[in-house]
N, C-alpha and C. Protein backbone atom coordinates (compact mmCIF):
# COMPACT_ATOMS: atom_id res chain seq x y z
N MET A 1 -97.23 20.52 52.04
CA MET A 1 -97.02 20.33 53.46
C MET A 1 -96.41 21.62 54.02
N GLY A 2 -96.98 22.08 55.11
CA GLY A 2 -96.49 23.30 55.72
C GLY A 2 -95.29 23.05 56.61
N THR A 3 -94.71 24.15 57.07
CA THR A 3 -93.52 24.08 57.92
C THR A 3 -93.80 23.33 59.20
N LYS A 4 -94.95 23.58 59.80
CA LYS A 4 -95.29 22.92 61.06
C LYS A 4 -95.37 21.40 60.89
N GLU A 5 -95.98 20.95 59.80
CA GLU A 5 -96.10 19.52 59.54
C GLU A 5 -94.73 18.90 59.29
N ARG A 6 -93.85 19.61 58.55
CA ARG A 6 -92.51 19.10 58.27
C ARG A 6 -91.70 18.97 59.56
N ILE A 7 -91.81 19.96 60.43
CA ILE A 7 -91.10 19.91 61.71
C ILE A 7 -91.61 18.74 62.54
N GLN A 8 -92.93 18.54 62.59
CA GLN A 8 -93.51 17.43 63.34
C GLN A 8 -93.02 16.09 62.78
N GLU A 9 -92.99 15.97 61.45
CA GLU A 9 -92.53 14.74 60.82
C GLU A 9 -91.05 14.49 61.14
N ASP A 10 -90.23 15.53 61.05
CA ASP A 10 -88.80 15.40 61.38
C ASP A 10 -88.62 14.97 62.83
N PHE A 11 -89.42 15.53 63.71
CA PHE A 11 -89.35 15.20 65.13
C PHE A 11 -89.69 13.73 65.35
N GLU A 12 -90.74 13.25 64.69
CA GLU A 12 -91.16 11.85 64.85
C GLU A 12 -90.09 10.88 64.36
N VAL A 13 -89.43 11.21 63.26
CA VAL A 13 -88.35 10.36 62.74
C VAL A 13 -87.19 10.35 63.72
N LEU A 14 -86.80 11.51 64.23
CA LEU A 14 -85.71 11.62 65.18
C LEU A 14 -86.03 10.87 66.47
N GLU A 15 -87.26 11.01 66.94
CA GLU A 15 -87.68 10.33 68.17
C GLU A 15 -87.59 8.80 68.00
N LYS A 16 -88.00 8.31 66.84
CA LYS A 16 -87.93 6.88 66.57
C LYS A 16 -86.48 6.41 66.55
N GLU A 17 -85.59 7.19 65.95
CA GLU A 17 -84.17 6.84 65.90
C GLU A 17 -83.56 6.84 67.30
N LEU A 18 -83.98 7.76 68.15
CA LEU A 18 -83.43 7.84 69.50
C LEU A 18 -83.84 6.65 70.36
N ASN A 19 -84.97 6.03 70.03
CA ASN A 19 -85.45 4.88 70.78
C ASN A 19 -84.82 3.57 70.31
N GLN A 20 -83.94 3.64 69.33
CA GLN A 20 -83.31 2.44 68.81
C GLN A 20 -82.06 2.08 69.62
N HIS A 21 -81.93 0.82 69.93
CA HIS A 21 -80.78 0.28 70.63
C HIS A 21 -80.24 -0.88 69.81
N GLU A 22 -79.08 -1.39 70.19
CA GLU A 22 -78.49 -2.52 69.49
C GLU A 22 -78.04 -3.57 70.49
N ILE A 23 -78.19 -4.83 70.10
CA ILE A 23 -77.53 -5.91 70.83
C ILE A 23 -76.16 -6.07 70.17
N VAL A 24 -75.12 -5.94 70.98
CA VAL A 24 -73.77 -6.13 70.49
C VAL A 24 -73.27 -7.47 71.02
N LEU A 25 -72.81 -8.30 70.11
CA LEU A 25 -72.25 -9.61 70.46
C LEU A 25 -70.74 -9.50 70.45
N PHE A 26 -70.10 -10.05 71.48
CA PHE A 26 -68.65 -9.96 71.62
C PHE A 26 -68.00 -11.31 71.36
N ASN A 27 -66.78 -11.26 70.89
CA ASN A 27 -66.01 -12.47 70.60
C ASN A 27 -65.63 -13.20 71.88
N ASP A 28 -65.53 -14.50 71.78
CA ASP A 28 -64.97 -15.30 72.87
C ASP A 28 -64.16 -16.43 72.24
N ASP A 29 -63.39 -17.10 73.03
CA ASP A 29 -62.56 -18.20 72.54
C ASP A 29 -63.16 -19.55 72.91
N VAL A 30 -64.45 -19.57 73.21
CA VAL A 30 -65.10 -20.78 73.72
C VAL A 30 -66.01 -21.42 72.68
N HIS A 31 -66.86 -20.63 72.07
CA HIS A 31 -67.92 -21.17 71.21
C HIS A 31 -67.47 -21.31 69.76
N THR A 32 -67.99 -22.34 69.11
CA THR A 32 -67.67 -22.56 67.70
C THR A 32 -68.47 -21.62 66.81
N PHE A 33 -68.01 -21.45 65.59
CA PHE A 33 -68.74 -20.65 64.61
C PHE A 33 -70.16 -21.19 64.46
N ASP A 34 -70.27 -22.51 64.32
CA ASP A 34 -71.60 -23.11 64.12
C ASP A 34 -72.54 -22.82 65.29
N TYR A 35 -72.02 -22.87 66.51
CA TYR A 35 -72.84 -22.60 67.68
C TYR A 35 -73.36 -21.16 67.66
N VAL A 36 -72.47 -20.22 67.35
CA VAL A 36 -72.86 -18.80 67.31
C VAL A 36 -73.85 -18.57 66.18
N ILE A 37 -73.59 -19.15 65.03
CA ILE A 37 -74.50 -19.01 63.88
C ILE A 37 -75.89 -19.54 64.23
N ASP A 38 -75.94 -20.74 64.79
CA ASP A 38 -77.23 -21.32 65.18
C ASP A 38 -77.95 -20.46 66.22
N SER A 39 -77.18 -19.90 67.15
CA SER A 39 -77.77 -19.04 68.19
C SER A 39 -78.38 -17.79 67.58
N LEU A 40 -77.68 -17.17 66.64
CA LEU A 40 -78.19 -15.95 66.00
C LEU A 40 -79.44 -16.23 65.17
N ILE A 41 -79.46 -17.38 64.52
CA ILE A 41 -80.64 -17.75 63.74
C ILE A 41 -81.83 -17.95 64.68
N ASP A 42 -81.59 -18.63 65.78
CA ASP A 42 -82.66 -18.94 66.74
C ASP A 42 -83.13 -17.70 67.49
N VAL A 43 -82.21 -16.94 68.04
CA VAL A 43 -82.56 -15.84 68.95
C VAL A 43 -82.89 -14.55 68.21
N CYS A 44 -82.09 -14.23 67.21
CA CYS A 44 -82.26 -12.94 66.51
C CYS A 44 -83.00 -13.06 65.18
N GLU A 45 -83.41 -14.29 64.85
CA GLU A 45 -84.14 -14.55 63.62
C GLU A 45 -83.34 -14.13 62.38
N HIS A 46 -82.03 -14.36 62.42
CA HIS A 46 -81.19 -14.07 61.27
C HIS A 46 -81.38 -15.15 60.20
N THR A 47 -81.11 -14.77 58.96
CA THR A 47 -80.96 -15.78 57.90
C THR A 47 -79.59 -16.42 58.13
N LEU A 48 -79.35 -17.54 57.47
CA LEU A 48 -78.05 -18.19 57.58
C LEU A 48 -76.94 -17.23 57.16
N GLU A 49 -77.15 -16.51 56.06
CA GLU A 49 -76.13 -15.58 55.57
C GLU A 49 -75.86 -14.45 56.57
N GLN A 50 -76.92 -13.87 57.14
CA GLN A 50 -76.74 -12.81 58.15
C GLN A 50 -75.95 -13.34 59.34
N ALA A 51 -76.33 -14.51 59.81
CA ALA A 51 -75.68 -15.09 60.98
C ALA A 51 -74.21 -15.38 60.70
N GLU A 52 -73.91 -15.90 59.52
CA GLU A 52 -72.52 -16.16 59.15
C GLU A 52 -71.71 -14.87 59.10
N GLN A 53 -72.27 -13.83 58.48
CA GLN A 53 -71.55 -12.55 58.36
C GLN A 53 -71.29 -11.94 59.73
N CYS A 54 -72.30 -11.96 60.61
CA CYS A 54 -72.12 -11.42 61.96
C CYS A 54 -71.06 -12.20 62.73
N THR A 55 -71.09 -13.52 62.58
CA THR A 55 -70.13 -14.36 63.29
C THR A 55 -68.70 -14.08 62.83
N ILE A 56 -68.53 -13.89 61.54
CA ILE A 56 -67.20 -13.55 61.01
C ILE A 56 -66.75 -12.19 61.53
N LEU A 57 -67.66 -11.21 61.54
CA LEU A 57 -67.31 -9.89 62.07
C LEU A 57 -66.93 -9.96 63.55
N VAL A 58 -67.70 -10.71 64.32
CA VAL A 58 -67.40 -10.87 65.74
C VAL A 58 -66.01 -11.47 65.91
N HIS A 59 -65.70 -12.48 65.12
CA HIS A 59 -64.42 -13.16 65.23
C HIS A 59 -63.24 -12.24 64.90
N TYR A 60 -63.36 -11.50 63.81
CA TYR A 60 -62.23 -10.68 63.34
C TYR A 60 -62.19 -9.27 63.93
N LYS A 61 -63.36 -8.70 64.26
CA LYS A 61 -63.41 -7.33 64.79
C LYS A 61 -63.59 -7.29 66.30
N GLY A 62 -63.98 -8.42 66.89
CA GLY A 62 -64.16 -8.48 68.34
C GLY A 62 -65.58 -8.25 68.80
N LYS A 63 -66.40 -7.68 67.92
CA LYS A 63 -67.80 -7.44 68.28
C LYS A 63 -68.59 -7.09 67.02
N CYS A 64 -69.92 -7.19 67.15
CA CYS A 64 -70.79 -6.86 66.03
C CYS A 64 -72.19 -6.59 66.57
N ALA A 65 -72.85 -5.56 66.04
CA ALA A 65 -74.26 -5.31 66.36
C ALA A 65 -75.08 -6.36 65.61
N VAL A 66 -75.83 -7.18 66.36
CA VAL A 66 -76.55 -8.29 65.74
C VAL A 66 -78.05 -8.06 65.64
N LYS A 67 -78.56 -7.06 66.36
CA LYS A 67 -80.01 -6.78 66.30
C LYS A 67 -80.23 -5.34 66.74
N THR A 68 -81.09 -4.63 66.03
CA THR A 68 -81.43 -3.25 66.35
C THR A 68 -82.93 -3.16 66.62
N GLY A 69 -83.30 -2.33 67.59
CA GLY A 69 -84.71 -2.15 67.88
C GLY A 69 -84.91 -1.41 69.18
N GLU A 70 -86.14 -1.43 69.66
CA GLU A 70 -86.44 -0.78 70.93
C GLU A 70 -85.96 -1.65 72.07
N TYR A 71 -85.54 -1.02 73.14
CA TYR A 71 -84.93 -1.71 74.27
C TYR A 71 -85.79 -2.88 74.77
N ASP A 72 -87.08 -2.63 74.96
CA ASP A 72 -87.96 -3.66 75.51
C ASP A 72 -88.06 -4.89 74.61
N ALA A 73 -87.91 -4.69 73.32
CA ALA A 73 -87.96 -5.82 72.38
C ALA A 73 -86.63 -6.57 72.36
N LEU A 74 -85.54 -5.87 72.62
CA LEU A 74 -84.21 -6.49 72.58
C LEU A 74 -83.85 -7.22 73.87
N LYS A 75 -84.39 -6.76 75.00
CA LYS A 75 -83.99 -7.31 76.30
C LYS A 75 -84.14 -8.83 76.37
N PRO A 76 -85.30 -9.42 76.01
CA PRO A 76 -85.40 -10.88 76.09
C PRO A 76 -84.44 -11.61 75.14
N ARG A 77 -84.18 -11.03 73.99
CA ARG A 77 -83.25 -11.64 73.04
C ARG A 77 -81.83 -11.63 73.61
N CYS A 78 -81.44 -10.50 74.18
CA CYS A 78 -80.11 -10.40 74.78
C CYS A 78 -79.99 -11.39 75.95
N SER A 79 -81.01 -11.48 76.75
CA SER A 79 -81.00 -12.42 77.88
C SER A 79 -80.83 -13.86 77.38
N LYS A 80 -81.49 -14.19 76.29
CA LYS A 80 -81.39 -15.54 75.73
C LYS A 80 -79.96 -15.81 75.24
N LEU A 81 -79.34 -14.82 74.58
CA LEU A 81 -77.96 -14.99 74.14
C LEU A 81 -77.04 -15.23 75.34
N LEU A 82 -77.28 -14.49 76.41
CA LEU A 82 -76.48 -14.65 77.62
C LEU A 82 -76.70 -16.04 78.23
N GLN A 83 -77.94 -16.52 78.23
CA GLN A 83 -78.25 -17.86 78.75
C GLN A 83 -77.55 -18.94 77.93
N LEU A 84 -77.34 -18.66 76.66
CA LEU A 84 -76.64 -19.61 75.79
C LEU A 84 -75.12 -19.55 76.00
N GLY A 85 -74.68 -18.66 76.88
CA GLY A 85 -73.26 -18.56 77.20
C GLY A 85 -72.50 -17.57 76.34
N LEU A 86 -73.20 -16.83 75.49
CA LEU A 86 -72.55 -15.84 74.64
C LEU A 86 -72.41 -14.52 75.40
N SER A 87 -71.50 -13.71 74.96
CA SER A 87 -71.26 -12.41 75.59
C SER A 87 -71.93 -11.32 74.75
N ALA A 88 -72.95 -10.68 75.34
CA ALA A 88 -73.70 -9.67 74.58
C ALA A 88 -74.20 -8.61 75.53
N GLU A 89 -74.45 -7.42 74.98
CA GLU A 89 -75.05 -6.34 75.77
C GLU A 89 -75.87 -5.45 74.86
N ILE A 90 -76.80 -4.73 75.47
CA ILE A 90 -77.61 -3.77 74.73
C ILE A 90 -77.00 -2.39 74.92
N ILE A 91 -76.79 -1.71 73.79
CA ILE A 91 -76.28 -0.33 73.87
C ILE A 91 -77.27 0.62 73.21
């Protein structure tokens, strides 16, 4: 592989990384662990274990990135979390 091809490949990887965003879920004192876990399984397609780990992180750290991807793919998921009464934003 020549230098030009390597530079192009590096650029494509960097461009893909730059297009990545995260849904960050924030802690609240309203919802139960089970409610948040069920919401993450439903909305973010987490496994039970992923949802439990994220919920624990949110509880103890105050927030957790629960889904990574392109903005357009995350927007409906974030909106659904908000409709469920959870506090989330895309960064």
